[in-house]
Amino acid sequence: MDTTEKLNSTEKETLQLVLEEHTQEQANNTKAVNDLVAAVNLLTGKVKGFDEKMDKPKPIIVSADTRPIQEIMKKGLTDMKLTVGTKPQPVVKKFQILLFPEQDAKLFYKIVFGRWFLFLVLMLLIINLYNFSVHWSDSQKEVQRQELESDRIKKAWFYLYGHARKIEQRYMDSVYSRSE
């Protein structure tokens, strides 16, 4: 019997603890629900206040000076009346190829003669400098070739003159004097 009483007492304690926890949770849930109800009531009050403000809007007073816009409109209407009142002009289609612009000619000439002309002059200068250097190089090679050949001829001449007899030397002198 003693064990049964112990079991009943532990079961009672366990049940009592579980009930206390459930009671605590129920209290917390009740508090949360009450907080939610209070928040909903507060929001409902605010919405009603907004609805009342929306039902009775305050008039917006705008003080804008529209005289300049009216003057612009009058001027535009007068221009349109003049345009409508004048005789319509026939539309002429032009096909043209422009080498120089009709507008901004000063800017065009500034670009053309300021940049393009300078580039053209520099390009021609570089081309002529290149051609001159190539021609000069070719001329120098030709001069060297002719000097080598001339030296060879002179050496041959002196060699023949040095090994020739007197009669042959006189004949060579006469030929030399005629060639000058």
N, C-alpha and C. Protein backbone atom coordinates (compact mmCIF):
# COMPACT_ATOMS: atom_id res chain seq x y z
N MET A 1 0.79 -1.17 0.00
CA MET A 1 0.00 0.00 0.00
C MET A 1 0.85 1.26 0.00
N ASP A 2 1.90 1.07 0.58
CA ASP A 2 2.81 2.19 0.66
C ASP A 2 3.26 2.62 -0.74
N THR A 3 3.53 1.65 -1.58
CA THR A 3 3.98 1.95 -2.95
C THR A 3 2.85 2.59 -3.76
N THR A 4 1.64 2.17 -3.51
CA THR A 4 0.51 2.74 -4.25
C THR A 4 0.32 4.19 -3.85
N GLU A 5 0.50 4.47 -2.59
CA GLU A 5 0.34 5.84 -2.15
C GLU A 5 1.44 6.70 -2.73
N LYS A 6 2.65 6.12 -2.79
CA LYS A 6 3.77 6.87 -3.36
C LYS A 6 3.50 7.16 -4.84
N LEU A 7 2.98 6.16 -5.54
CA LEU A 7 2.68 6.34 -6.97
C LEU A 7 1.60 7.40 -7.13
N ASN A 8 0.59 7.32 -6.32
CA ASN A 8 -0.50 8.29 -6.42
C ASN A 8 0.02 9.70 -6.09
N SER A 9 0.87 9.79 -5.09
CA SER A 9 1.38 11.11 -4.72
C SER A 9 2.30 11.66 -5.82
N THR A 10 3.15 10.80 -6.47
CA THR A 10 3.99 11.28 -7.57
C THR A 10 3.15 11.63 -8.78
N GLU A 11 2.09 10.84 -8.97
CA GLU A 11 1.20 11.15 -10.11
C GLU A 11 0.49 12.47 -9.84
N LYS A 12 0.10 12.68 -8.60
CA LYS A 12 -0.57 13.93 -8.25
C LYS A 12 0.38 15.11 -8.45
N GLU A 13 1.62 14.93 -8.04
CA GLU A 13 2.60 16.01 -8.19
C GLU A 13 2.86 16.30 -9.67
N THR A 14 2.99 15.21 -10.43
CA THR A 14 3.23 15.38 -11.87
C THR A 14 2.05 16.06 -12.52
N LEU A 15 0.85 15.61 -12.18
CA LEU A 15 -0.35 16.23 -12.74
C LEU A 15 -0.46 17.68 -12.31
N GLN A 16 -0.10 17.94 -11.08
CA GLN A 16 -0.18 19.30 -10.57
C GLN A 16 0.82 20.19 -11.33
N LEU A 17 2.05 19.68 -11.60
CA LEU A 17 3.04 20.46 -12.36
C LEU A 17 2.57 20.71 -13.79
N VAL A 18 2.01 19.67 -14.39
CA VAL A 18 1.53 19.82 -15.78
C VAL A 18 0.40 20.83 -15.82
N LEU A 19 -0.51 20.75 -14.83
CA LEU A 19 -1.62 21.71 -14.80
C LEU A 19 -1.12 23.13 -14.58
N GLU A 20 -0.10 23.28 -13.74
CA GLU A 20 0.46 24.62 -13.51
C GLU A 20 1.08 25.17 -14.79
N GLU A 21 1.79 24.31 -15.52
CA GLU A 21 2.40 24.76 -16.78
C GLU A 21 1.32 25.16 -17.78
N HIS A 22 0.25 24.32 -17.88
CA HIS A 22 -0.85 24.65 -18.80
C HIS A 22 -1.53 25.94 -18.36
N THR A 23 -1.66 26.13 -17.08
CA THR A 23 -2.28 27.34 -16.57
C THR A 23 -1.43 28.55 -16.94
N GLN A 24 -0.09 28.38 -16.78
CA GLN A 24 0.84 29.47 -17.13
C GLN A 24 0.75 29.79 -18.62
N GLU A 25 0.74 28.75 -19.46
CA GLU A 25 0.63 28.94 -20.90
C GLU A 25 -0.69 29.62 -21.25
N GLN A 26 -1.77 29.17 -20.59
CA GLN A 26 -3.09 29.76 -20.85
C GLN A 26 -3.09 31.23 -20.47
N ALA A 27 -2.41 31.56 -19.38
CA ALA A 27 -2.34 32.96 -18.95
C ALA A 27 -1.56 33.78 -19.97
N ASN A 28 -0.46 33.21 -20.44
CA ASN A 28 0.34 33.90 -21.47
C ASN A 28 -0.47 34.09 -22.75
N ASN A 29 -1.17 33.05 -23.15
CA ASN A 29 -1.99 33.14 -24.37
C ASN A 29 -3.09 34.17 -24.19
N THR A 30 -3.70 34.19 -23.03
CA THR A 30 -4.77 35.16 -22.76
C THR A 30 -4.22 36.58 -22.82
N LYS A 31 -3.05 36.76 -22.25
CA LYS A 31 -2.41 38.08 -22.28
C LYS A 31 -2.11 38.49 -23.71
N ALA A 32 -1.58 37.55 -24.51
CA ALA A 32 -1.27 37.85 -25.92
C ALA A 32 -2.53 38.19 -26.68
N VAL A 33 -3.61 37.45 -26.45
CA VAL A 33 -4.88 37.72 -27.13
C VAL A 33 -5.41 39.08 -26.72
N ASN A 34 -5.31 39.42 -25.43
CA ASN A 34 -5.77 40.72 -24.94
C ASN A 34 -4.95 41.85 -25.59
N ASP A 35 -3.63 41.63 -25.71
CA ASP A 35 -2.77 42.62 -26.39
C ASP A 35 -3.17 42.79 -27.85
N LEU A 36 -3.47 41.68 -28.52
CA LEU A 36 -3.90 41.75 -29.92
C LEU A 36 -5.23 42.48 -30.05
N VAL A 37 -6.16 42.19 -29.14
CA VAL A 37 -7.46 42.87 -29.17
C VAL A 37 -7.27 44.36 -28.96
N ALA A 38 -6.38 44.72 -28.03
CA ALA A 38 -6.13 46.14 -27.77
C ALA A 38 -5.52 46.81 -29.01
N ALA A 39 -4.56 46.12 -29.67
CA ALA A 39 -3.93 46.68 -30.87
C ALA A 39 -4.95 46.83 -31.99
N VAL A 40 -5.83 45.83 -32.16
CA VAL A 40 -6.86 45.90 -33.20
C VAL A 40 -7.81 47.05 -32.90
N ASN A 41 -8.20 47.22 -31.64
CA ASN A 41 -9.10 48.32 -31.27
C ASN A 41 -8.43 49.67 -31.55
N LEU A 42 -7.13 49.78 -31.25
CA LEU A 42 -6.40 51.01 -31.51
C LEU A 42 -6.35 51.31 -33.00
N LEU A 43 -6.03 50.30 -33.80
CA LEU A 43 -5.97 50.49 -35.25
C LEU A 43 -7.35 50.81 -35.81
N THR A 44 -8.40 50.18 -35.25
CA THR A 44 -9.76 50.47 -35.70
C THR A 44 -10.09 51.93 -35.43
N GLY A 45 -9.68 52.42 -34.27
CA GLY A 45 -9.91 53.83 -33.94
C GLY A 45 -9.19 54.75 -34.91
N LYS A 46 -7.96 54.40 -35.26
CA LYS A 46 -7.20 55.23 -36.19
C LYS A 46 -7.83 55.21 -37.58
N VAL A 47 -8.31 54.04 -37.99
CA VAL A 47 -8.96 53.94 -39.30
C VAL A 47 -10.22 54.78 -39.32
N LYS A 48 -11.00 54.75 -38.23
CA LYS A 48 -12.21 55.57 -38.15
C LYS A 48 -11.85 57.05 -38.24
N GLY A 49 -10.74 57.43 -37.58
CA GLY A 49 -10.29 58.82 -37.64
C GLY A 49 -9.91 59.21 -39.08
N PHE A 50 -9.24 58.31 -39.79
CA PHE A 50 -8.90 58.58 -41.19
C PHE A 50 -10.14 58.67 -42.06
N ASP A 51 -11.12 57.77 -41.78
CA ASP A 51 -12.37 57.81 -42.55
C ASP A 51 -13.08 59.14 -42.34
N GLU A 52 -13.08 59.63 -41.12
CA GLU A 52 -13.73 60.91 -40.83
C GLU A 52 -13.01 62.04 -41.56
N LYS A 53 -11.67 61.99 -41.59
CA LYS A 53 -10.90 63.01 -42.29
C LYS A 53 -11.13 62.94 -43.80
N MET A 54 -11.30 61.73 -44.29
CA MET A 54 -11.54 61.56 -45.73
C MET A 54 -12.93 62.06 -46.11
N ASP A 55 -13.91 61.90 -45.19
CA ASP A 55 -15.25 62.37 -45.48
C ASP A 55 -15.32 63.89 -45.49
N LYS A 56 -14.48 64.52 -44.70
CA LYS A 56 -14.47 65.99 -44.62
C LYS A 56 -13.09 66.49 -45.06
N PRO A 57 -12.77 66.48 -46.38
CA PRO A 57 -11.44 66.94 -46.80
C PRO A 57 -11.32 68.46 -46.67
N LYS A 58 -10.11 68.88 -46.38
CA LYS A 58 -9.83 70.30 -46.30
C LYS A 58 -9.58 70.81 -47.72
N PRO A 59 -10.14 71.93 -48.06
CA PRO A 59 -9.90 72.45 -49.41
C PRO A 59 -8.44 72.93 -49.54
N ILE A 60 -7.86 72.62 -50.70
CA ILE A 60 -6.48 73.03 -50.96
C ILE A 60 -6.52 74.35 -51.72
N ILE A 61 -5.87 75.31 -51.17
CA ILE A 61 -5.86 76.64 -51.78
C ILE A 61 -4.56 76.78 -52.58
N VAL A 62 -4.73 76.92 -53.88
CA VAL A 62 -3.58 77.08 -54.76
C VAL A 62 -3.62 78.49 -55.31
N SER A 63 -2.58 79.21 -55.07
CA SER A 63 -2.53 80.58 -55.60
C SER A 63 -1.41 80.62 -56.64
N ALA A 64 -1.76 80.30 -57.86
CA ALA A 64 -0.78 80.31 -58.94
C ALA A 64 -1.12 81.43 -59.90
N ASP A 65 -0.09 82.09 -60.35
CA ASP A 65 -0.28 83.17 -61.32
C ASP A 65 -0.22 82.56 -62.71
N THR A 66 -1.35 82.54 -63.38
CA THR A 66 -1.42 81.91 -64.70
C THR A 66 -1.35 82.93 -65.83
N ARG A 67 -1.07 84.19 -65.52
CA ARG A 67 -0.99 85.21 -66.58
C ARG A 67 0.10 84.91 -67.61
N PRO A 68 1.32 84.49 -67.21
CA PRO A 68 2.34 84.20 -68.24
C PRO A 68 1.91 83.06 -69.16
N ILE A 69 1.27 82.04 -68.60
CA ILE A 69 0.83 80.91 -69.42
C ILE A 69 -0.28 81.37 -70.36
N GLN A 70 -1.18 82.23 -69.86
CA GLN A 70 -2.25 82.75 -70.72
C GLN A 70 -1.67 83.57 -71.87
N GLU A 71 -0.65 84.38 -71.57
CA GLU A 71 -0.02 85.19 -72.63
C GLU A 71 0.64 84.29 -73.67
N ILE A 72 1.30 83.25 -73.21
CA ILE A 72 1.93 82.31 -74.15
C ILE A 72 0.87 81.66 -75.03
N MET A 73 -0.25 81.26 -74.40
CA MET A 73 -1.33 80.63 -75.16
C MET A 73 -1.92 81.60 -76.18
N LYS A 74 -2.10 82.86 -75.77
CA LYS A 74 -2.64 83.86 -76.71
C LYS A 74 -1.69 84.06 -77.88
N LYS A 75 -0.42 84.14 -77.59
CA LYS A 75 0.57 84.32 -78.66
C LYS A 75 0.56 83.11 -79.59
N GLY A 76 0.48 81.91 -79.03
CA GLY A 76 0.43 80.70 -79.84
C GLY A 76 -0.81 80.67 -80.72
N LEU A 77 -1.95 81.05 -80.14
CA LEU A 77 -3.19 81.09 -80.92
C LEU A 77 -3.10 82.12 -82.04
N THR A 78 -2.51 83.28 -81.75
CA THR A 78 -2.35 84.30 -82.79
C THR A 78 -1.45 83.79 -83.91
N ASP A 79 -0.36 83.12 -83.54
CA ASP A 79 0.54 82.56 -84.56
C ASP A 79 -0.19 81.52 -85.40
N MET A 80 -1.00 80.68 -84.76
CA MET A 80 -1.73 79.67 -85.51
C MET A 80 -2.75 80.31 -86.44
N LYS A 81 -3.43 81.38 -85.98
CA LYS A 81 -4.38 82.08 -86.85
C LYS A 81 -3.67 82.68 -88.05
N LEU A 82 -2.50 83.28 -87.82
CA LEU A 82 -1.73 83.86 -88.94
C LEU A 82 -1.29 82.77 -89.91
N THR A 83 -0.87 81.65 -89.39
CA THR A 83 -0.43 80.54 -90.24
C THR A 83 -1.58 80.01 -91.07
N VAL A 84 -2.75 79.87 -90.44
CA VAL A 84 -3.91 79.35 -91.15
C VAL A 84 -4.40 80.39 -92.17
N GLY A 85 -4.32 81.68 -91.80
CA GLY A 85 -4.81 82.74 -92.67
C GLY A 85 -3.95 82.98 -93.89
N THR A 86 -2.68 82.69 -93.81
CA THR A 86 -1.80 82.93 -94.98
C THR A 86 -2.02 81.84 -96.01
N LYS A 87 -1.60 82.16 -97.21
CA LYS A 87 -1.75 81.22 -98.31
C LYS A 87 -0.78 80.05 -98.11
N PRO A 88 -1.26 78.83 -98.28
CA PRO A 88 -0.34 77.70 -98.08
C PRO A 88 0.72 77.67 -99.17
N GLN A 89 1.93 77.44 -98.75
CA GLN A 89 3.04 77.39 -99.70
C GLN A 89 3.27 75.95 -100.12
N PRO A 90 3.59 75.75 -101.39
CA PRO A 90 3.82 74.38 -101.85
C PRO A 90 5.12 73.83 -101.25
N VAL A 91 5.10 72.57 -100.99
CA VAL A 91 6.27 71.91 -100.43
C VAL A 91 7.20 71.54 -101.58
N VAL A 92 8.41 72.01 -101.50
CA VAL A 92 9.40 71.74 -102.53
C VAL A 92 10.42 70.77 -101.96
N LYS A 93 10.57 69.65 -102.62
CA LYS A 93 11.57 68.68 -102.17
C LYS A 93 12.85 68.94 -102.93
N LYS A 94 13.93 69.07 -102.17
CA LYS A 94 15.23 69.33 -102.77
C LYS A 94 16.12 68.10 -102.61
N PHE A 95 16.79 67.77 -103.66
CA PHE A 95 17.81 66.73 -103.59
C PHE A 95 19.13 67.39 -103.91
N GLN A 96 20.01 67.41 -102.96
CA GLN A 96 21.29 68.07 -103.19
C GLN A 96 22.39 67.35 -102.43
N ILE A 97 23.56 67.49 -102.98
CA ILE A 97 24.75 66.94 -102.34
C ILE A 97 25.59 68.13 -101.91
N LEU A 98 25.80 68.23 -100.64
CA LEU A 98 26.55 69.36 -100.10
C LEU A 98 27.98 68.96 -99.79
N LEU A 99 28.90 69.71 -100.36
CA LEU A 99 30.30 69.50 -100.02
C LEU A 99 30.67 70.31 -98.79
N PHE A 100 29.97 71.40 -98.60
CA PHE A 100 30.20 72.26 -97.45
C PHE A 100 28.88 72.48 -96.74
N PRO A 101 28.88 72.56 -95.43
CA PRO A 101 27.62 72.66 -94.68
C PRO A 101 26.96 74.03 -94.85
N GLU A 102 25.63 74.04 -94.74
CA GLU A 102 24.90 75.30 -94.82
C GLU A 102 24.98 76.05 -93.49
N GLN A 103 24.95 75.30 -92.38
CA GLN A 103 25.07 75.92 -91.07
C GLN A 103 26.44 75.55 -90.49
N ASP A 104 26.87 76.36 -89.58
CA ASP A 104 28.14 76.15 -88.86
C ASP A 104 29.32 76.05 -89.82
N ALA A 105 29.34 76.90 -90.82
CA ALA A 105 30.44 76.89 -91.79
C ALA A 105 31.76 77.26 -91.11
N LYS A 106 31.70 78.19 -90.16
CA LYS A 106 32.92 78.62 -89.48
C LYS A 106 33.56 77.45 -88.74
N LEU A 107 32.74 76.67 -88.06
CA LEU A 107 33.25 75.50 -87.34
C LEU A 107 33.81 74.48 -88.32
N PHE A 108 33.11 74.28 -89.44
CA PHE A 108 33.58 73.32 -90.46
C PHE A 108 34.95 73.73 -90.99
N TYR A 109 35.09 75.01 -91.36
CA TYR A 109 36.37 75.47 -91.89
C TYR A 109 37.46 75.41 -90.83
N LYS A 110 37.09 75.66 -89.60
CA LYS A 110 38.07 75.57 -88.51
C LYS A 110 38.59 74.14 -88.40
N ILE A 111 37.68 73.17 -88.49
CA ILE A 111 38.09 71.77 -88.40
C ILE A 111 38.91 71.37 -89.62
N VAL A 112 38.40 71.73 -90.82
CA VAL A 112 39.08 71.33 -92.05
C VAL A 112 40.45 71.95 -92.16
N PHE A 113 40.52 73.27 -92.01
CA PHE A 113 41.80 73.93 -92.21
C PHE A 113 42.66 73.92 -90.96
N GLY A 114 42.05 73.67 -89.82
CA GLY A 114 42.83 73.63 -88.59
C GLY A 114 43.47 72.28 -88.34
N ARG A 115 42.72 71.21 -88.63
CA ARG A 115 43.24 69.88 -88.32
C ARG A 115 43.59 69.10 -89.58
N TRP A 116 42.61 68.99 -90.47
CA TRP A 116 42.83 68.16 -91.66
C TRP A 116 43.96 68.72 -92.52
N PHE A 117 43.99 70.04 -92.68
CA PHE A 117 45.03 70.65 -93.50
C PHE A 117 46.39 70.42 -92.87
N LEU A 118 46.47 70.53 -91.55
CA LEU A 118 47.73 70.28 -90.85
C LEU A 118 48.16 68.82 -91.03
N PHE A 119 47.21 67.89 -90.89
CA PHE A 119 47.54 66.48 -91.09
C PHE A 119 47.97 66.22 -92.53
N LEU A 120 47.32 66.86 -93.48
CA LEU A 120 47.68 66.70 -94.89
C LEU A 120 49.08 67.21 -95.15
N VAL A 121 49.41 68.38 -94.62
CA VAL A 121 50.75 68.94 -94.79
C VAL A 121 51.79 68.04 -94.15
N LEU A 122 51.51 67.55 -92.94
CA LEU A 122 52.46 66.66 -92.27
C LEU A 122 52.64 65.36 -93.05
N MET A 123 51.55 64.82 -93.59
CA MET A 123 51.63 63.59 -94.36
C MET A 123 52.47 63.80 -95.62
N LEU A 124 52.22 64.91 -96.34
CA LEU A 124 53.01 65.20 -97.55
C LEU A 124 54.48 65.43 -97.20
N LEU A 125 54.75 66.10 -96.10
CA LEU A 125 56.13 66.32 -95.67
C LEU A 125 56.82 64.99 -95.37
N ILE A 126 56.14 64.11 -94.68
CA ILE A 126 56.73 62.80 -94.34
C ILE A 126 56.97 61.98 -95.61
N ILE A 127 56.01 62.00 -96.54
CA ILE A 127 56.17 61.25 -97.79
C ILE A 127 57.34 61.80 -98.59
N ASN A 128 57.43 63.12 -98.71
CA ASN A 128 58.54 63.72 -99.46
C ASN A 128 59.88 63.46 -98.77
N LEU A 129 59.90 63.51 -97.46
CA LEU A 129 61.13 63.21 -96.72
C LEU A 129 61.55 61.76 -96.95
N TYR A 130 60.59 60.86 -96.95
CA TYR A 130 60.88 59.45 -97.22
C TYR A 130 61.42 59.27 -98.64
N ASN A 131 60.73 59.87 -99.62
CA ASN A 131 61.19 59.75 -101.01
C ASN A 131 62.58 60.36 -101.18
N PHE A 132 62.84 61.50 -100.54
CA PHE A 132 64.16 62.12 -100.64
C PHE A 132 65.22 61.21 -100.03
N SER A 133 64.93 60.62 -98.87
CA SER A 133 65.93 59.76 -98.22
C SER A 133 66.19 58.51 -99.07
N VAL A 134 65.14 57.94 -99.67
CA VAL A 134 65.34 56.76 -100.52
C VAL A 134 66.16 57.15 -101.74
N HIS A 135 65.84 58.28 -102.37
CA HIS A 135 66.58 58.74 -103.56
C HIS A 135 68.03 59.05 -103.19
N TRP A 136 68.24 59.70 -102.06
CA TRP A 136 69.60 60.04 -101.63
C TRP A 136 70.41 58.77 -101.37
N SER A 137 69.77 57.79 -100.71
CA SER A 137 70.44 56.53 -100.43
C SER A 137 70.82 55.82 -101.74
N ASP A 138 69.89 55.80 -102.70
CA ASP A 138 70.18 55.19 -104.00
C ASP A 138 71.30 55.94 -104.72
N SER A 139 71.27 57.26 -104.62
CA SER A 139 72.31 58.08 -105.27
C SER A 139 73.67 57.80 -104.65
N GLN A 140 73.71 57.70 -103.34
CA GLN A 140 74.99 57.42 -102.66
C GLN A 140 75.53 56.06 -103.07
N LYS A 141 74.66 55.08 -103.19
CA LYS A 141 75.10 53.75 -103.61
C LYS A 141 75.64 53.79 -105.04
N GLU A 142 74.97 54.55 -105.89
CA GLU A 142 75.41 54.67 -107.29
C GLU A 142 76.75 55.39 -107.35
N VAL A 143 76.92 56.44 -106.55
CA VAL A 143 78.20 57.17 -106.53
C VAL A 143 79.31 56.24 -106.06
N GLN A 144 79.07 55.47 -105.02
CA GLN A 144 80.08 54.54 -104.52
C GLN A 144 80.42 53.49 -105.58
N ARG A 145 79.38 52.99 -106.26
CA ARG A 145 79.62 52.00 -107.31
C ARG A 145 80.48 52.60 -108.44
N GLN A 146 80.17 53.81 -108.84
CA GLN A 146 80.94 54.45 -109.91
C GLN A 146 82.37 54.77 -109.46
N GLU A 147 82.53 55.16 -108.20
CA GLU A 147 83.88 55.42 -107.69
C GLU A 147 84.70 54.13 -107.68
N LEU A 148 84.08 53.04 -107.26
CA LEU A 148 84.79 51.75 -107.26
C LEU A 148 85.20 51.37 -108.69
N GLU A 149 84.27 51.56 -109.61
CA GLU A 149 84.59 51.22 -111.01
C GLU A 149 85.66 52.15 -111.56
N SER A 150 85.56 53.42 -111.20
CA SER A 150 86.56 54.40 -111.65
C SER A 150 87.93 54.06 -111.07
N ASP A 151 87.95 53.70 -109.79
CA ASP A 151 89.22 53.31 -109.17
C ASP A 151 89.80 52.08 -109.87
N ARG A 152 88.93 51.15 -110.20
CA ARG A 152 89.39 49.93 -110.88
C ARG A 152 89.98 50.27 -112.26
N ILE A 153 89.32 51.18 -112.95
CA ILE A 153 89.82 51.57 -114.29
C ILE A 153 91.16 52.29 -114.15
N LYS A 154 91.26 53.20 -113.14
CA LYS A 154 92.52 53.93 -112.93
C LYS A 154 93.65 52.98 -112.60
N LYS A 155 93.36 52.00 -111.72
CA LYS A 155 94.39 51.03 -111.36
C LYS A 155 94.82 50.23 -112.59
N ALA A 156 93.85 49.84 -113.40
CA ALA A 156 94.18 49.09 -114.62
C ALA A 156 95.00 49.96 -115.56
N TRP A 157 94.63 51.21 -115.69
CA TRP A 157 95.34 52.13 -116.58
C TRP A 157 96.79 52.30 -116.13
N PHE A 158 96.95 52.56 -114.82
CA PHE A 158 98.32 52.75 -114.31
C PHE A 158 99.13 51.46 -114.41
N TYR A 159 98.46 50.34 -114.21
CA TYR A 159 99.14 49.06 -114.34
C TYR A 159 99.64 48.87 -115.78
N LEU A 160 98.77 49.14 -116.76
CA LEU A 160 99.18 49.01 -118.17
C LEU A 160 100.26 50.03 -118.51
N TYR A 161 100.07 51.26 -117.99
CA TYR A 161 101.03 52.33 -118.30
C TYR A 161 102.40 51.99 -117.71
N GLY A 162 102.41 51.42 -116.51
CA GLY A 162 103.68 51.06 -115.87
C GLY A 162 104.36 49.89 -116.55
N HIS A 163 103.65 48.97 -117.21
CA HIS A 163 104.25 47.81 -117.83
C HIS A 163 104.39 47.93 -119.35
N ALA A 164 104.00 49.09 -119.84
CA ALA A 164 104.06 49.27 -121.30
C ALA A 164 105.42 49.82 -121.70
N ARG A 165 105.67 49.65 -123.04
CA ARG A 165 106.91 50.23 -123.57
C ARG A 165 106.69 51.70 -123.85
N LYS A 166 107.75 52.39 -124.26
CA LYS A 166 107.70 53.83 -124.48
C LYS A 166 106.69 54.18 -125.56
N ILE A 167 106.64 53.46 -126.63
CA ILE A 167 105.72 53.74 -127.74
C ILE A 167 104.28 53.58 -127.26
N GLU A 168 104.06 52.55 -126.51
CA GLU A 168 102.71 52.30 -126.00
C GLU A 168 102.32 53.37 -124.98
N GLN A 169 103.30 53.84 -124.20
CA GLN A 169 103.01 54.89 -123.23
C GLN A 169 102.64 56.19 -123.93
N ARG A 170 103.33 56.52 -125.06
CA ARG A 170 103.00 57.72 -125.82
C ARG A 170 101.60 57.61 -126.41
N TYR A 171 101.31 56.44 -126.92
CA TYR A 171 99.98 56.22 -127.49
C TYR A 171 98.92 56.36 -126.39
N MET A 172 99.19 55.83 -125.20
CA MET A 172 98.25 55.92 -124.10
C MET A 172 98.11 57.38 -123.66
N ASP A 173 99.19 58.17 -123.65
CA ASP A 173 99.12 59.59 -123.31
C ASP A 173 98.27 60.36 -124.31
N SER A 174 98.43 60.02 -125.59
CA SER A 174 97.61 60.72 -126.62
C SER A 174 96.12 60.37 -126.45
N VAL A 175 95.82 59.12 -126.17
CA VAL A 175 94.43 58.70 -125.96
C VAL A 175 93.89 59.41 -124.72
N TYR A 176 94.69 59.52 -123.67
CA TYR A 176 94.27 60.15 -122.44
C TYR A 176 93.98 61.63 -122.68
N SER A 177 94.83 62.30 -123.41
CA SER A 177 94.65 63.73 -123.68
C SER A 177 93.42 63.96 -124.55
N ARG A 178 93.09 63.08 -125.46
CA ARG A 178 91.88 63.22 -126.30
C ARG A 178 90.60 62.99 -125.48
N SER A 179 90.67 62.20 -124.43
CA SER A 179 89.45 61.88 -123.65
C SER A 179 89.03 63.03 -122.72
N GLU A 180 89.94 63.98 -122.49
CA GLU A 180 89.61 65.07 -121.56
C GLU A 180 88.74 66.06 -122.19
